[in-house]
Amino acid sequence: MNKQDLINSISEKSGLTKKDVESVLNSFLGEVTDALSSGDKVQLIGFGTFETRKRSARMGRNPQTGAPTAIPEAKVPAFKAGNKLKEAVK
């Protein structure tokens, strides 16, 4: 399912227009992005938690030459599924 499929599905189930659903979805995604970029986490009880995690610096290899290269530490987004979502997927 892509973003447009999600918008269509929510629109059909909620009775809202596609334009309204798209606006709400874009706002939600923007708020999650803003929260993660400022170091906060977004917790939706039963669904899951969006957070950032620190990935340590490490050594990697250039696939073309095989030469070792340093990969710097990075802050990466992560999602941990909640119990209700895990149960629904089973």
Protein backbone atom coordinates (compact mmCIF):
# COMPACT_ATOMS: atom_id res chain seq x y z
CA MET A 1 0.00 0.00 0.00
CA ASN A 2 1.40 3.39 -0.94
CA LYS A 3 0.42 6.84 0.32
CA GLN A 4 -2.31 7.37 -2.29
CA ASP A 5 -3.84 3.95 -1.55
CA LEU A 6 -3.87 4.85 2.15
CA ILE A 7 -5.57 8.19 1.44
CA ASN A 8 -8.21 6.46 -0.71
CA SER A 9 -8.88 3.80 1.92
CA ILE A 10 -9.21 6.28 4.80
CA SER A 11 -11.45 8.50 2.67
CA GLU A 12 -13.80 5.61 1.89
CA LYS A 13 -13.98 4.40 5.50
CA SER A 14 -14.34 7.83 7.13
CA GLY A 15 -16.53 9.64 4.62
CA LEU A 16 -14.03 12.53 4.47
CA THR A 17 -12.86 13.93 1.16
CA LYS A 18 -9.54 12.74 -0.23
CA LYS A 19 -8.23 16.29 -0.02
CA ASP A 20 -9.05 16.49 3.71
CA VAL A 21 -7.51 13.09 4.40
CA GLU A 22 -4.36 14.01 2.48
CA SER A 23 -4.07 17.24 4.47
CA VAL A 24 -4.40 15.41 7.79
CA LEU A 25 -1.95 12.69 6.74
CA ASN A 26 0.63 15.25 5.57
CA SER A 27 0.22 17.16 8.85
CA PHE A 28 0.69 13.96 10.86
CA LEU A 29 3.82 13.03 8.94
CA GLY A 30 5.19 16.54 9.32
CA GLU A 31 4.62 16.53 13.08
CA VAL A 32 6.29 13.13 13.48
CA THR A 33 9.25 14.34 11.40
CA ASP A 34 9.55 17.55 13.45
CA ALA A 35 9.39 15.65 16.73
CA LEU A 36 12.05 13.15 15.67
CA SER A 37 14.36 15.83 14.31
CA SER A 38 14.19 17.66 17.65
CA GLY A 39 15.03 14.47 19.56
CA ASP A 40 11.54 13.71 20.88
CA LYS A 41 9.66 10.47 20.40
CA VAL A 42 6.06 9.96 19.29
CA GLN A 43 4.18 7.26 21.19
CA LEU A 44 0.80 6.03 19.94
CA ILE A 45 -0.49 3.61 22.57
CA GLY A 46 -1.32 0.24 21.03
CA PHE A 47 0.15 1.15 17.65
CA GLY A 48 3.79 1.87 18.31
CA THR A 49 6.55 4.35 19.00
CA PHE A 50 8.55 6.44 16.56
CA GLU A 51 11.95 7.40 17.97
CA THR A 52 15.54 8.09 17.01
CA ARG A 53 18.47 5.86 17.83
CA LYS A 54 22.18 6.49 17.71
CA ARG A 55 24.11 4.31 15.28
CA SER A 56 27.75 4.02 16.37
CA ALA A 57 30.66 4.86 14.13
CA ARG A 58 32.12 1.80 12.41
CA MET A 59 34.44 0.67 9.68
CA GLY A 60 32.98 -0.35 6.34
CA ARG A 61 34.34 -1.36 2.96
CA ASN A 62 34.05 0.32 -0.42
CA PRO A 63 32.29 -2.37 -2.53
CA GLN A 64 34.16 -1.36 -5.70
CA THR A 65 37.69 -1.25 -4.34
CA GLY A 66 37.45 -3.21 -1.11
CA ALA A 67 39.26 -0.38 0.69
CA PRO A 68 38.22 0.19 4.29
CA THR A 69 36.32 3.39 4.97
CA ALA A 70 35.14 5.05 8.17
CA ILE A 71 31.38 5.41 8.57
CA PRO A 72 30.57 8.18 11.06
CA GLU A 73 28.04 7.86 13.86
CA ALA A 74 24.51 8.82 12.88
CA LYS A 75 21.08 9.46 14.36
CA VAL A 76 18.53 7.26 12.58
CA PRO A 77 14.72 7.00 12.83
CA ALA A 78 13.24 3.81 14.27
CA PHE A 79 9.79 2.36 14.86
CA LYS A 80 8.85 -0.11 17.58
CA ALA A 81 5.46 -1.78 17.09
CA GLY A 82 2.98 -1.79 19.97
CA ASN A 83 1.26 -4.88 21.35
CA LYS A 84 -2.09 -4.32 19.60
CA LEU A 85 -0.35 -3.94 16.24
CA LYS A 86 1.74 -7.05 16.85
CA GLU A 87 -1.38 -9.06 17.74
CA ALA A 88 -3.27 -7.79 14.68
CA VAL A 89 -0.45 -8.89 12.38
CA LYS A 90 -0.22 -12.42 13.79
